[in-house]
Amino acid sequence: MAKKDKHVSETPATAWLKQQGVAFTEHVYEYVEHGGTAESARQLGADEHAVVKTLVMQDAKAEPLIVLMHGDRQVSTKNLARAIGAKSVEPCKPEVAQRHSGYQVGGTSPFGTRKAMPVYVEASVLALPRILINGGRRGFLVGIEPRVLVEQLGAHPVECALEP
């Protein structure tokens, strides 16, 4: 594998952010299978609470949705379903998530998805000064202000985090 420099070629996510006029910083790390946000936070010297994971889920009607959650928290699907008025919510299978988002699992970004999906964000994410979120490729995060999630994506704040 080629050694990564500090710049990553454009992804649908970074193209979307640029098109919206959103300022962002690029953060490249060595992707580790099943390393998740703990690994990216460790490599980048970031607080895992400020590394936001993008999860593609589906409701009882198999309609896809995106949930943005702190890296160090899990989603209570029961609380999420209640918050959005769905009978139930469950994670999509990786191949289904990839079909909806257009991104490889582990590199899923909420920006520039193949299919428009409703976006929900854990409310406490919005209180952070800055977040790191996937930039559309494994091993690549972008730093943004959390308000971008609401202002540009129309993300709906919910409270569905399970306490550690």
N, C-alpha and C. Protein backbone atom coordinates (compact mmCIF):
# COMPACT_ATOMS: atom_id res chain seq x y z
N MET A 1 0.84 -1.18 0.00
CA MET A 1 0.00 0.00 0.00
C MET A 1 0.88 1.24 0.00
N ALA A 2 0.52 2.19 -0.81
CA ALA A 2 1.32 3.42 -0.91
C ALA A 2 1.27 4.20 0.40
N LYS A 3 2.37 4.83 0.73
CA LYS A 3 2.41 5.65 1.95
C LYS A 3 1.52 6.86 1.75
N LYS A 4 0.69 7.14 2.76
CA LYS A 4 -0.25 8.25 2.65
C LYS A 4 0.44 9.55 3.03
N ASP A 5 0.18 10.59 2.26
CA ASP A 5 0.66 11.91 2.66
C ASP A 5 -0.49 12.58 3.40
N LYS A 6 -0.38 13.85 3.67
CA LYS A 6 -1.39 14.54 4.47
C LYS A 6 -2.61 14.97 3.65
N HIS A 7 -2.60 14.74 2.35
CA HIS A 7 -3.75 15.13 1.54
C HIS A 7 -4.38 13.89 0.92
N VAL A 8 -5.69 13.85 0.91
CA VAL A 8 -6.42 12.74 0.33
C VAL A 8 -7.13 13.28 -0.90
N SER A 9 -7.17 12.46 -1.96
CA SER A 9 -7.87 12.93 -3.15
C SER A 9 -9.35 13.13 -2.81
N GLU A 10 -10.00 13.95 -3.59
CA GLU A 10 -11.38 14.33 -3.31
C GLU A 10 -12.31 13.11 -3.26
N THR A 11 -13.24 13.15 -2.33
CA THR A 11 -14.27 12.12 -2.21
C THR A 11 -15.62 12.80 -2.46
N PRO A 12 -16.69 12.03 -2.65
CA PRO A 12 -18.00 12.67 -2.78
C PRO A 12 -18.31 13.57 -1.56
N ALA A 13 -17.82 13.16 -0.38
CA ALA A 13 -18.07 13.95 0.83
C ALA A 13 -17.35 15.29 0.78
N THR A 14 -16.07 15.30 0.43
CA THR A 14 -15.33 16.57 0.40
C THR A 14 -15.83 17.45 -0.74
N ALA A 15 -16.22 16.84 -1.85
CA ALA A 15 -16.79 17.62 -2.96
C ALA A 15 -18.08 18.30 -2.50
N TRP A 16 -18.91 17.57 -1.76
CA TRP A 16 -20.17 18.11 -1.25
C TRP A 16 -19.90 19.25 -0.28
N LEU A 17 -18.95 19.06 0.65
CA LEU A 17 -18.62 20.10 1.63
C LEU A 17 -18.15 21.37 0.92
N LYS A 18 -17.28 21.20 -0.08
CA LYS A 18 -16.78 22.36 -0.84
C LYS A 18 -17.93 23.07 -1.56
N GLN A 19 -18.81 22.28 -2.15
CA GLN A 19 -19.96 22.83 -2.89
C GLN A 19 -20.86 23.65 -1.96
N GLN A 20 -20.96 23.22 -0.69
CA GLN A 20 -21.79 23.93 0.29
C GLN A 20 -21.04 25.10 0.94
N GLY A 21 -19.76 25.23 0.62
CA GLY A 21 -18.95 26.30 1.20
C GLY A 21 -18.57 26.05 2.65
N VAL A 22 -18.49 24.78 3.04
CA VAL A 22 -18.16 24.41 4.43
C VAL A 22 -16.64 24.31 4.59
N ALA A 23 -16.13 25.02 5.60
CA ALA A 23 -14.69 24.94 5.91
C ALA A 23 -14.45 23.63 6.67
N PHE A 24 -13.42 22.89 6.27
CA PHE A 24 -13.09 21.65 6.97
C PHE A 24 -11.59 21.41 6.93
N THR A 25 -11.11 20.63 7.88
CA THR A 25 -9.71 20.22 7.91
C THR A 25 -9.65 18.74 7.59
N GLU A 26 -8.55 18.29 7.02
CA GLU A 26 -8.38 16.88 6.65
C GLU A 26 -7.49 16.19 7.66
N HIS A 27 -7.88 14.99 8.07
CA HIS A 27 -7.12 14.22 9.05
C HIS A 27 -6.98 12.78 8.56
N VAL A 28 -5.77 12.41 8.19
CA VAL A 28 -5.50 11.08 7.64
C VAL A 28 -4.88 10.21 8.72
N TYR A 29 -5.33 8.97 8.79
CA TYR A 29 -4.74 8.00 9.72
C TYR A 29 -4.68 6.65 9.02
N GLU A 30 -3.95 5.71 9.60
CA GLU A 30 -3.82 4.38 9.03
C GLU A 30 -5.04 3.56 9.44
N TYR A 31 -5.88 3.20 8.48
CA TYR A 31 -7.10 2.45 8.78
C TYR A 31 -6.76 1.06 9.32
N VAL A 32 -7.42 0.68 10.40
CA VAL A 32 -7.25 -0.64 11.01
C VAL A 32 -8.61 -1.31 11.02
N GLU A 33 -8.70 -2.50 10.42
CA GLU A 33 -9.96 -3.25 10.37
C GLU A 33 -10.51 -3.41 11.79
N HIS A 34 -11.77 -3.06 12.00
CA HIS A 34 -12.46 -3.14 13.30
C HIS A 34 -11.84 -2.25 14.37
N GLY A 35 -11.01 -1.29 13.97
CA GLY A 35 -10.39 -0.38 14.94
C GLY A 35 -11.35 0.71 15.40
N GLY A 36 -12.26 1.08 14.51
CA GLY A 36 -13.29 2.06 14.84
C GLY A 36 -12.76 3.41 15.28
N THR A 37 -13.62 4.13 15.99
CA THR A 37 -13.27 5.48 16.41
C THR A 37 -12.17 5.48 17.47
N ALA A 38 -12.05 4.41 18.25
CA ALA A 38 -10.99 4.35 19.27
C ALA A 38 -9.63 4.42 18.58
N GLU A 39 -9.49 3.71 17.48
CA GLU A 39 -8.21 3.68 16.76
C GLU A 39 -7.92 5.01 16.07
N SER A 40 -8.93 5.58 15.39
CA SER A 40 -8.69 6.86 14.72
C SER A 40 -8.37 7.95 15.75
N ALA A 41 -9.10 7.96 16.86
CA ALA A 41 -8.85 8.96 17.91
C ALA A 41 -7.44 8.81 18.47
N ARG A 42 -7.02 7.56 18.71
CA ARG A 42 -5.68 7.30 19.24
C ARG A 42 -4.61 7.82 18.28
N GLN A 43 -4.74 7.46 17.00
CA GLN A 43 -3.72 7.87 16.02
C GLN A 43 -3.69 9.38 15.82
N LEU A 44 -4.84 10.03 15.90
CA LEU A 44 -4.90 11.47 15.64
C LEU A 44 -4.74 12.30 16.91
N GLY A 45 -4.63 11.63 18.06
CA GLY A 45 -4.50 12.35 19.33
C GLY A 45 -5.75 13.14 19.66
N ALA A 46 -6.91 12.59 19.28
CA ALA A 46 -8.19 13.28 19.49
C ALA A 46 -8.98 12.59 20.60
N ASP A 47 -9.94 13.31 21.16
CA ASP A 47 -10.86 12.75 22.15
C ASP A 47 -11.88 11.91 21.38
N GLU A 48 -12.01 10.63 21.74
CA GLU A 48 -12.94 9.77 21.01
C GLU A 48 -14.38 10.28 21.09
N HIS A 49 -14.71 11.02 22.13
CA HIS A 49 -16.05 11.58 22.28
C HIS A 49 -16.36 12.58 21.16
N ALA A 50 -15.31 13.22 20.61
CA ALA A 50 -15.47 14.21 19.54
C ALA A 50 -15.30 13.60 18.15
N VAL A 51 -15.01 12.29 18.09
CA VAL A 51 -14.95 11.59 16.81
C VAL A 51 -16.35 10.99 16.61
N VAL A 52 -17.02 11.44 15.57
CA VAL A 52 -18.42 11.06 15.37
C VAL A 52 -18.52 9.97 14.30
N LYS A 53 -19.19 8.87 14.68
CA LYS A 53 -19.36 7.79 13.71
C LYS A 53 -20.68 7.96 12.96
N THR A 54 -20.66 7.54 11.70
CA THR A 54 -21.81 7.62 10.81
C THR A 54 -22.37 6.21 10.66
N LEU A 55 -23.59 6.00 11.15
CA LEU A 55 -24.20 4.67 11.12
C LEU A 55 -25.42 4.69 10.21
N VAL A 56 -25.47 3.73 9.28
CA VAL A 56 -26.63 3.61 8.40
C VAL A 56 -27.54 2.54 9.00
N MET A 57 -28.76 2.95 9.33
CA MET A 57 -29.73 2.05 9.94
C MET A 57 -30.99 2.05 9.10
N GLN A 58 -31.95 1.23 9.52
CA GLN A 58 -33.23 1.21 8.81
C GLN A 58 -34.35 1.04 9.82
N ASP A 59 -35.53 1.59 9.44
CA ASP A 59 -36.69 1.46 10.32
C ASP A 59 -37.44 0.17 9.98
N ALA A 60 -38.58 -0.03 10.63
CA ALA A 60 -39.36 -1.26 10.45
C ALA A 60 -39.82 -1.46 9.01
N LYS A 61 -39.90 -0.36 8.24
CA LYS A 61 -40.33 -0.44 6.83
C LYS A 61 -39.13 -0.58 5.90
N ALA A 62 -37.94 -0.81 6.48
CA ALA A 62 -36.68 -0.94 5.74
C ALA A 62 -36.27 0.35 5.04
N GLU A 63 -36.78 1.49 5.55
CA GLU A 63 -36.37 2.80 5.03
C GLU A 63 -35.06 3.18 5.72
N PRO A 64 -34.03 3.54 4.94
CA PRO A 64 -32.73 3.85 5.55
C PRO A 64 -32.70 5.23 6.21
N LEU A 65 -31.84 5.35 7.20
CA LEU A 65 -31.60 6.61 7.89
C LEU A 65 -30.17 6.60 8.40
N ILE A 66 -29.66 7.79 8.68
CA ILE A 66 -28.29 7.93 9.19
C ILE A 66 -28.36 8.42 10.63
N VAL A 67 -27.53 7.82 11.48
CA VAL A 67 -27.41 8.25 12.87
C VAL A 67 -25.95 8.65 13.09
N LEU A 68 -25.75 9.84 13.64
CA LEU A 68 -24.42 10.34 13.96
C LEU A 68 -24.26 10.28 15.48
N MET A 69 -23.25 9.52 15.92
CA MET A 69 -23.09 9.25 17.35
C MET A 69 -21.64 9.45 17.78
N HIS A 70 -21.47 9.88 19.04
CA HIS A 70 -20.12 9.98 19.62
C HIS A 70 -19.42 8.64 19.43
N GLY A 71 -18.13 8.69 19.15
CA GLY A 71 -17.37 7.47 18.96
C GLY A 71 -17.34 6.57 20.17
N ASP A 72 -17.41 7.16 21.37
CA ASP A 72 -17.33 6.36 22.60
C ASP A 72 -18.70 5.98 23.16
N ARG A 73 -19.75 6.09 22.35
CA ARG A 73 -21.10 5.73 22.79
C ARG A 73 -21.74 4.77 21.78
N GLN A 74 -22.71 4.01 22.26
CA GLN A 74 -23.49 3.13 21.40
C GLN A 74 -24.88 3.73 21.23
N VAL A 75 -25.56 3.34 20.17
CA VAL A 75 -26.92 3.81 19.91
C VAL A 75 -27.91 2.84 20.56
N SER A 76 -28.85 3.39 21.33
CA SER A 76 -29.97 2.59 21.81
C SER A 76 -31.00 2.63 20.69
N THR A 77 -31.15 1.51 19.98
CA THR A 77 -32.10 1.48 18.85
C THR A 77 -33.52 1.67 19.36
N LYS A 78 -33.80 1.21 20.58
CA LYS A 78 -35.13 1.39 21.17
C LYS A 78 -35.41 2.88 21.40
N ASN A 79 -34.45 3.60 21.98
CA ASN A 79 -34.62 5.04 22.22
C ASN A 79 -34.67 5.82 20.92
N LEU A 80 -33.87 5.39 19.94
CA LEU A 80 -33.88 6.06 18.63
C LEU A 80 -35.24 5.88 17.97
N ALA A 81 -35.76 4.66 17.96
CA ALA A 81 -37.06 4.40 17.34
C ALA A 81 -38.13 5.26 18.00
N ARG A 82 -38.10 5.33 19.32
CA ARG A 82 -39.07 6.15 20.06
C ARG A 82 -38.93 7.62 19.66
N ALA A 83 -37.69 8.10 19.57
CA ALA A 83 -37.43 9.52 19.26
C ALA A 83 -37.90 9.91 17.87
N ILE A 84 -37.83 8.97 16.92
CA ILE A 84 -38.20 9.32 15.54
C ILE A 84 -39.59 8.82 15.16
N GLY A 85 -40.28 8.20 16.11
CA GLY A 85 -41.64 7.74 15.85
C GLY A 85 -41.71 6.50 14.98
N ALA A 86 -40.69 5.65 15.06
CA ALA A 86 -40.68 4.40 14.28
C ALA A 86 -40.99 3.24 15.21
N LYS A 87 -41.51 2.16 14.63
CA LYS A 87 -41.82 0.97 15.43
C LYS A 87 -40.52 0.35 15.92
N SER A 88 -39.52 0.29 15.04
CA SER A 88 -38.22 -0.25 15.42
C SER A 88 -37.15 0.30 14.48
N VAL A 89 -35.90 0.20 14.92
CA VAL A 89 -34.75 0.61 14.12
C VAL A 89 -33.67 -0.44 14.32
N GLU A 90 -32.97 -0.76 13.25
CA GLU A 90 -31.86 -1.70 13.35
C GLU A 90 -30.77 -1.30 12.37
N PRO A 91 -29.51 -1.70 12.65
CA PRO A 91 -28.44 -1.39 11.70
C PRO A 91 -28.67 -2.12 10.38
N CYS A 92 -28.30 -1.47 9.29
CA CYS A 92 -28.36 -2.13 7.99
C CYS A 92 -27.21 -3.12 7.87
N LYS A 93 -27.40 -4.16 7.08
CA LYS A 93 -26.29 -5.06 6.78
C LYS A 93 -25.27 -4.24 5.97
N PRO A 94 -23.97 -4.56 6.09
CA PRO A 94 -22.95 -3.75 5.41
C PRO A 94 -23.21 -3.51 3.92
N GLU A 95 -23.64 -4.56 3.20
CA GLU A 95 -23.86 -4.38 1.76
C GLU A 95 -25.05 -3.46 1.48
N VAL A 96 -26.05 -3.48 2.36
CA VAL A 96 -27.22 -2.61 2.21
C VAL A 96 -26.82 -1.17 2.53
N ALA A 97 -26.05 -0.99 3.61
CA ALA A 97 -25.58 0.34 3.98
C ALA A 97 -24.76 0.94 2.84
N GLN A 98 -23.91 0.12 2.23
CA GLN A 98 -23.07 0.60 1.13
C GLN A 98 -23.92 0.99 -0.08
N ARG A 99 -24.95 0.23 -0.35
CA ARG A 99 -25.83 0.54 -1.48
C ARG A 99 -26.54 1.88 -1.26
N HIS A 100 -27.01 2.13 -0.04
CA HIS A 100 -27.71 3.38 0.26
C HIS A 100 -26.76 4.57 0.26
N SER A 101 -25.60 4.42 0.90
CA SER A 101 -24.71 5.56 1.11
C SER A 101 -23.74 5.80 -0.05
N GLY A 102 -23.38 4.71 -0.75
CA GLY A 102 -22.36 4.83 -1.79
C GLY A 102 -20.95 4.74 -1.22
N TYR A 103 -20.85 4.53 0.10
CA TYR A 103 -19.54 4.44 0.76
C TYR A 103 -19.30 3.05 1.31
N GLN A 104 -18.02 2.67 1.35
CA GLN A 104 -17.61 1.42 1.94
C GLN A 104 -17.76 1.54 3.47
N VAL A 105 -18.27 0.49 4.12
CA VAL A 105 -18.39 0.51 5.57
C VAL A 105 -17.00 0.73 6.17
N GLY A 106 -16.93 1.63 7.14
CA GLY A 106 -15.63 2.02 7.70
C GLY A 106 -15.18 3.34 7.09
N GLY A 107 -15.85 3.74 6.00
CA GLY A 107 -15.54 4.99 5.33
C GLY A 107 -16.80 5.78 5.03
N THR A 108 -17.89 5.47 5.75
CA THR A 108 -19.18 6.11 5.48
C THR A 108 -19.21 7.53 6.02
N SER A 109 -19.57 8.45 5.15
CA SER A 109 -19.72 9.85 5.53
C SER A 109 -21.20 10.23 5.38
N PRO A 110 -21.69 11.16 6.20
CA PRO A 110 -23.08 11.60 6.01
C PRO A 110 -23.21 12.60 4.86
N PHE A 111 -22.06 13.06 4.33
CA PHE A 111 -22.06 14.07 3.26
C PHE A 111 -21.93 13.41 1.90
N GLY A 112 -22.71 13.86 0.94
CA GLY A 112 -22.57 13.36 -0.43
C GLY A 112 -22.98 11.91 -0.59
N THR A 113 -24.00 11.48 0.15
CA THR A 113 -24.44 10.09 0.03
C THR A 113 -25.15 9.85 -1.30
N ARG A 114 -25.13 8.61 -1.74
CA ARG A 114 -25.76 8.24 -3.00
C ARG A 114 -27.26 8.50 -2.95
N LYS A 115 -27.88 8.18 -1.81
CA LYS A 115 -29.32 8.32 -1.64
C LYS A 115 -29.57 9.32 -0.51
N ALA A 116 -30.52 10.22 -0.70
CA ALA A 116 -30.88 11.16 0.37
C ALA A 116 -31.58 10.38 1.47
N MET A 117 -31.09 10.53 2.70
CA MET A 117 -31.68 9.83 3.84
C MET A 117 -31.85 10.83 4.98
N PRO A 118 -32.86 10.62 5.83
CA PRO A 118 -32.96 11.49 7.01
C PRO A 118 -31.74 11.27 7.90
N VAL A 119 -31.27 12.35 8.52
CA VAL A 119 -30.09 12.28 9.38
C VAL A 119 -30.48 12.67 10.79
N TYR A 120 -30.05 11.85 11.75
CA TYR A 120 -30.30 12.12 13.16
C TYR A 120 -28.95 12.20 13.85
N VAL A 121 -28.82 13.15 14.78
CA VAL A 121 -27.55 13.35 15.47
C VAL A 121 -27.80 13.35 16.97
N GLU A 122 -26.97 12.64 17.71
CA GLU A 122 -27.05 12.68 19.17
C GLU A 122 -26.92 14.14 19.58
N ALA A 123 -27.89 14.64 20.33
CA ALA A 123 -27.97 16.07 20.65
C ALA A 123 -26.68 16.62 21.27
N SER A 124 -26.02 15.84 22.12
CA SER A 124 -24.82 16.34 22.80
C SER A 124 -23.64 16.55 21.85
N VAL A 125 -23.69 15.93 20.66
CA VAL A 125 -22.64 16.16 19.64
C VAL A 125 -22.64 17.65 19.26
N LEU A 126 -23.83 18.24 19.21
CA LEU A 126 -23.96 19.62 18.76
C LEU A 126 -23.37 20.62 19.75
N ALA A 127 -23.13 20.19 20.98
CA ALA A 127 -22.55 21.07 22.00
C ALA A 127 -21.01 21.11 21.94
N LEU A 128 -20.43 20.22 21.15
CA LEU A 128 -18.96 20.18 21.05
C LEU A 128 -18.47 21.35 20.20
N PRO A 129 -17.26 21.87 20.48
CA PRO A 129 -16.74 22.99 19.69
C PRO A 129 -16.37 22.57 18.27
N ARG A 130 -15.89 21.34 18.10
CA ARG A 130 -15.46 20.84 16.80
C ARG A 130 -15.55 19.32 16.84
N ILE A 131 -15.85 18.72 15.69
CA ILE A 131 -15.90 17.26 15.62
C ILE A 131 -15.05 16.75 14.47
N LEU A 132 -14.67 15.49 14.56
CA LEU A 132 -14.05 14.78 13.46
C LEU A 132 -15.08 13.76 12.98
N ILE A 133 -15.31 13.70 11.68
CA ILE A 133 -16.32 12.81 11.12
C ILE A 133 -15.77 12.27 9.80
N ASN A 134 -16.24 11.10 9.40
CA ASN A 134 -15.66 10.47 8.21
C ASN A 134 -15.79 11.34 6.97
N GLY A 135 -14.70 11.38 6.22
CA GLY A 135 -14.63 12.19 5.00
C GLY A 135 -14.89 11.41 3.73
N GLY A 136 -15.41 10.18 3.86
CA GLY A 136 -15.79 9.42 2.66
C GLY A 136 -14.80 8.37 2.22
N ARG A 137 -13.86 8.04 3.09
CA ARG A 137 -12.87 7.01 2.76
C ARG A 137 -12.33 6.46 4.07
N ARG A 138 -12.00 5.18 4.08
CA ARG A 138 -11.38 4.59 5.27
C ARG A 138 -10.06 5.31 5.53
N GLY A 139 -9.81 5.64 6.80
CA GLY A 139 -8.57 6.30 7.16
C GLY A 139 -8.56 7.80 6.91
N PHE A 140 -9.73 8.40 6.79
CA PHE A 140 -9.82 9.82 6.46
C PHE A 140 -11.00 10.47 7.18
N LEU A 141 -10.69 11.40 8.08
CA LEU A 141 -11.73 12.15 8.78
C LEU A 141 -11.62 13.62 8.41
N VAL A 142 -12.73 14.34 8.50
CA VAL A 142 -12.71 15.79 8.31
C VAL A 142 -13.12 16.44 9.62
N GLY A 143 -12.49 17.57 9.91
CA GLY A 143 -12.84 18.34 11.09
C GLY A 143 -13.78 19.46 10.70
N ILE A 144 -14.93 19.53 11.37
CA ILE A 144 -15.93 20.56 11.07
C ILE A 144 -16.55 21.07 12.37
N GLU A 145 -17.29 22.17 12.25
CA GLU A 145 -18.10 22.64 13.38
C GLU A 145 -19.40 21.82 13.35
N PRO A 146 -19.85 21.34 14.52
CA PRO A 146 -21.05 20.49 14.55
C PRO A 146 -22.30 21.14 13.97
N ARG A 147 -22.40 22.48 14.02
CA ARG A 147 -23.60 23.14 13.49
C ARG A 147 -23.82 22.83 12.01
N VAL A 148 -22.74 22.46 11.30
CA VAL A 148 -22.85 22.08 9.88
C VAL A 148 -23.84 20.92 9.71
N LEU A 149 -23.88 20.03 10.69
CA LEU A 149 -24.76 18.86 10.61
C LEU A 149 -26.23 19.28 10.53
N VAL A 150 -26.59 20.30 11.29
CA VAL A 150 -27.97 20.78 11.28
C VAL A 150 -28.20 21.74 10.12
N GLU A 151 -27.27 22.71 9.95
CA GLU A 151 -27.45 23.75 8.94
C GLU A 151 -27.38 23.23 7.52
N GLN A 152 -26.48 22.28 7.25
CA GLN A 152 -26.29 21.81 5.87
C GLN A 152 -26.96 20.46 5.59
N LEU A 153 -26.99 19.59 6.60
CA LEU A 153 -27.59 18.26 6.39
C LEU A 153 -29.04 18.19 6.85
N GLY A 154 -29.45 19.17 7.66
CA GLY A 154 -30.80 19.11 8.22
C GLY A 154 -30.93 18.02 9.28
N ALA A 155 -29.82 17.70 9.96
CA ALA A 155 -29.84 16.65 10.97
C ALA A 155 -30.78 17.02 12.11
N HIS A 156 -31.54 16.04 12.57
CA HIS A 156 -32.49 16.22 13.67
C HIS A 156 -31.83 15.74 14.96
N PRO A 157 -31.74 16.60 15.99
CA PRO A 157 -31.15 16.17 17.26
C PRO A 157 -32.05 15.14 17.96
N VAL A 158 -31.45 14.08 18.47
CA VAL A 158 -32.16 13.05 19.23
C VAL A 158 -31.31 12.68 20.44
N GLU A 159 -31.91 12.01 21.39
CA GLU A 159 -31.16 11.49 22.53
C GLU A 159 -31.33 9.99 22.55
N CYS A 160 -30.30 9.30 22.07
CA CYS A 160 -30.40 7.84 21.97
C CYS A 160 -29.08 7.15 22.34
N ALA A 161 -28.18 7.88 22.99
CA ALA A 161 -26.90 7.29 23.37
C ALA A 161 -27.05 6.42 24.60
N LEU A 162 -26.38 5.29 24.59
CA LEU A 162 -26.30 4.45 25.78
C LEU A 162 -25.10 4.93 26.57
N GLU A 163 -25.26 5.12 27.85
CA GLU A 163 -24.13 5.55 28.69
C GLU A 163 -23.15 4.38 28.80
N PRO A 164 -21.85 4.72 28.84
CA PRO A 164 -20.85 3.64 28.88
C PRO A 164 -20.89 2.87 30.19
